[in-house]
Protein backbone atom coordinates (compact mmCIF):
# COMPACT_ATOMS: atom_id res chain seq x y z
CA LEU A 1 102.57 93.95 107.10
CA PHE A 2 103.30 96.37 104.30
CA GLY A 3 104.55 99.92 104.05
CA GLU A 4 107.30 102.26 102.97
CA THR A 5 110.69 102.99 104.57
CA THR A 6 112.14 106.46 105.15
CA GLY A 7 114.46 105.63 102.22
CA ASN A 8 111.32 105.23 100.06
CA ASP A 9 111.71 101.50 99.50
CA LEU A 10 108.56 99.43 99.80
CA VAL A 11 108.78 97.02 102.68
CA VAL A 12 106.95 93.72 103.21
CA ILE A 13 107.14 92.19 106.69
CA GLN A 14 105.95 88.72 107.59
CA LEU A 15 104.97 87.81 111.13
CA ASN A 16 104.40 84.39 112.65
CA THR A 17 101.03 83.66 114.24
CA ASN A 18 102.58 84.61 117.61
CA GLY A 19 103.29 88.15 116.33
CA LEU A 20 107.08 87.75 116.06
CA LEU A 21 109.05 88.30 112.85
CA ASP A 22 109.14 85.22 110.61
CA THR A 23 112.92 85.15 110.13
CA SER A 24 112.58 82.62 107.28
CA PHE A 25 110.93 85.35 105.15
CA GLY A 26 113.06 87.80 103.14
CA ASP A 27 115.98 89.11 105.19
CA SER A 28 115.13 88.05 108.75
CA GLY A 29 111.42 88.71 108.26
CA ILE A 30 111.70 91.87 106.13
CA LYS A 31 111.86 92.34 102.35
CA LEU A 32 112.77 95.73 100.87
CA ILE A 33 111.75 96.54 97.29
CA ASN A 34 113.53 99.26 95.33
CA ALA A 35 113.05 99.66 91.59
CA GLY A 36 115.72 102.17 90.61
CA GLY A 37 114.13 105.23 92.11
CA ALA A 38 112.31 106.27 95.22
CA MET A 39 109.08 104.34 95.60
CA ARG A 40 106.26 106.69 96.50
CA SER A 41 102.55 107.35 96.41
CA ARG A 42 99.88 104.88 97.38
CA SER A 43 100.92 101.27 97.26
CA GLU A 44 99.12 97.99 97.66
CA PHE A 45 99.75 94.26 97.65
CA ILE A 46 97.84 91.01 97.21
CA ILE A 47 98.69 87.34 97.62
CA ASP A 48 97.88 85.09 94.67
CA PRO A 49 96.53 81.51 94.96
CA GLN A 50 100.10 80.13 94.73
CA GLY A 51 101.16 82.20 97.76
CA LYS A 52 103.14 84.74 95.73
CA ILE A 53 103.05 88.33 96.99
CA ILE A 54 102.34 90.96 94.31
CA VAL A 55 103.19 94.56 95.21
CA VAL A 56 102.31 97.68 93.19
CA GLY A 57 103.72 101.16 93.75
CA GLU A 58 105.14 104.11 91.91
CA ASN A 59 108.79 105.06 91.52
CA GLY A 60 110.36 108.53 91.46
CA ASP A 61 109.92 108.69 87.67
CA ASP A 62 106.13 108.25 88.05
CA ASP A 63 106.34 104.78 86.50
CA PHE A 64 104.26 101.94 87.90
CA VAL A 65 106.35 99.31 89.66
CA ILE A 66 104.95 95.83 90.16
CA ALA A 67 107.04 93.30 92.10
CA ARG A 68 106.25 89.65 92.68
CA LEU A 69 107.78 87.80 95.62
CA ASN A 70 107.83 84.10 96.32
CA ALA A 71 106.26 82.93 99.59
CA ASP A 72 109.73 83.01 101.24
CA GLY A 73 110.21 86.71 100.37
CA SER A 74 112.65 86.19 97.50
CA PHE A 75 111.96 87.86 94.15
CA ASP A 76 110.12 85.64 91.64
CA THR A 77 112.67 85.78 88.81
CA LYS A 78 110.08 84.45 86.31
CA PHE A 79 108.22 87.77 86.65
CA GLY A 80 109.35 90.95 84.89
CA ASN A 81 113.06 91.66 85.17
CA ASN A 82 114.24 89.51 88.10
CA GLY A 83 110.93 89.90 89.93
CA ILE A 84 110.11 93.52 89.07
CA ALA A 85 108.00 94.79 86.15
CA ILE A 86 107.85 98.49 85.32
CA ILE A 87 105.10 100.17 83.31
CA ASP A 88 106.90 103.12 81.75
CA ILE A 89 104.68 106.20 81.88
CA PRO A 90 105.66 108.96 79.40
CA SER A 91 106.92 112.11 81.14
CA SER A 92 104.22 114.15 79.35
CA ILE A 93 101.53 112.35 81.38
CA THR A 94 101.08 112.39 85.14
CA ILE A 95 99.61 109.14 86.42
CA ASN A 96 99.41 108.35 90.12
CA ALA A 97 99.22 104.80 91.36
CA GLU A 98 95.92 104.51 93.22
CA GLY A 99 97.02 101.39 95.03
CA GLY A 100 94.38 99.27 93.33
CA ILE A 101 95.45 95.77 92.33
CA ALA A 102 93.44 92.67 91.46
CA LEU A 103 93.89 89.26 89.85
CA THR A 104 91.73 87.86 87.06
CA ARG A 105 90.59 84.23 87.02
CA LEU A 106 93.40 83.57 84.51
CA GLY A 107 96.03 84.98 86.86
CA LYS A 108 96.50 88.27 85.02
CA ILE A 109 97.25 91.32 87.16
CA ILE A 110 95.25 94.55 86.89
CA VAL A 111 96.58 97.75 88.49
CA LEU A 112 94.76 101.07 88.84
CA GLY A 113 95.95 104.64 88.43
CA THR A 114 94.65 108.17 87.96
CA ILE A 115 95.67 110.46 85.09
CA ASN A 116 95.80 114.01 86.39
CA SER A 117 95.03 116.89 84.05
CA ASN A 118 93.73 120.42 84.50
CA SER A 119 90.49 119.82 82.58
CA ASN A 120 89.44 116.27 83.40
CA ASP A 121 90.92 113.47 85.46
CA SER A 122 90.62 109.87 84.36
CA MET A 123 91.03 106.45 85.90
CA VAL A 124 93.36 104.08 84.06
CA ALA A 125 93.67 100.30 84.43
CA PHE A 126 96.66 98.33 83.14
CA GLN A 127 96.66 94.55 82.73
CA LEU A 128 99.81 92.46 82.98
CA ASN A 129 100.36 88.89 81.92
CA ASN A 130 101.51 86.31 84.46
CA ASP A 131 105.14 86.94 83.42
CA GLY A 132 104.90 90.69 84.14
CA SER A 133 104.62 91.85 80.53
CA LEU A 134 101.88 94.30 79.55
CA ASP A 135 98.88 92.43 78.11
CA THR A 136 98.39 94.31 74.84
CA ALA A 137 95.07 92.46 74.21
CA PHE A 138 93.54 94.36 77.15
CA GLY A 139 91.90 97.69 76.26
CA THR A 140 94.16 99.67 73.96
CA ASN A 141 97.68 98.21 74.05
CA GLY A 142 97.30 97.04 77.65
CA SER A 143 95.36 99.86 79.26
CA THR A 144 91.83 101.22 79.54
CA ILE A 145 91.07 104.85 80.38
CA VAL A 146 87.76 105.92 81.93
CA SER A 147 87.21 109.70 81.95
CA VAL A 148 85.74 111.02 85.16
CA SER A 149 85.14 114.69 85.83
CA ASN A 150 86.38 116.02 89.16
CA ASN A 151 88.10 112.76 90.10
CA ASP A 152 89.93 113.02 93.40
CA ASP A 153 93.12 110.96 93.20
CA GLY A 154 93.03 110.25 96.91
CA GLU A 155 90.82 107.18 96.94
CA GLY A 156 90.37 104.30 94.55
CA GLY A 157 90.37 100.60 94.07
CA ILE A 158 89.56 97.72 91.78
CA THR A 159 87.42 94.61 92.18
CA ILE A 160 86.71 91.68 89.86
CA ASP A 161 83.49 89.72 90.35
CA SER A 162 83.04 85.97 89.86
CA TRP A 163 82.00 86.50 86.21
CA GLY A 164 85.19 88.41 85.43
CA ASN A 165 83.62 91.89 85.30
CA ILE A 166 86.04 94.61 86.38
CA TYR A 167 84.94 97.44 88.67
CA LEU A 168 87.01 100.57 89.29
CA TYR A 169 85.89 102.77 92.13
CA GLY A 170 86.83 106.04 93.74
CA ALA A 171 85.39 109.39 94.80
CA ASP A 172 85.15 112.72 93.04
CA GLU A 173 86.11 116.04 94.65
CA ASN A 174 82.59 116.25 96.11
CA ASN A 175 82.95 112.71 97.55
CA HIS A 176 80.42 111.18 95.14
CA GLN A 177 81.20 107.53 94.53
CA LEU A 178 82.50 106.66 91.05
CA GLN A 179 82.71 103.33 89.31
CA GLY A 180 83.46 102.22 85.80
CA LEU A 181 84.23 99.40 83.39
């Protein structure tokens, strides 16, 4: 299970197959994630082939926060800064985390966001290396921007096919389906 607490921490909960809390996970079945500011906006998680849990969200400074947990709910200290990587978004730009997250065949992490502007909204994808650092070989210094007129930042996601092609998807204000890359 995954969600957000009233204190704006992200929360990951693991249940046993019988529906009861798995008390061997995190702190008695629950792991709270706080990255130095209120986590907010849409958030998402995936589990990689090694059983690590990768969580993406947005903190109170509008930065992207990506956390990686070991299968037991502890932070993976080999990722980012003690298990948490932050993509610092300049204050002059408003980017909302769309909740999209995917893994490449090489184990790189791609996260999706929307740049909000008055004239034209755009979808942005960031790629991180396996250690949580921004992969500067991806796009332009680690990100790719796809301009989309009338993008509605309410829906979006990312998928990678078996050939490694990346698909971003969402809906515009008129609910037309969008895709890129």
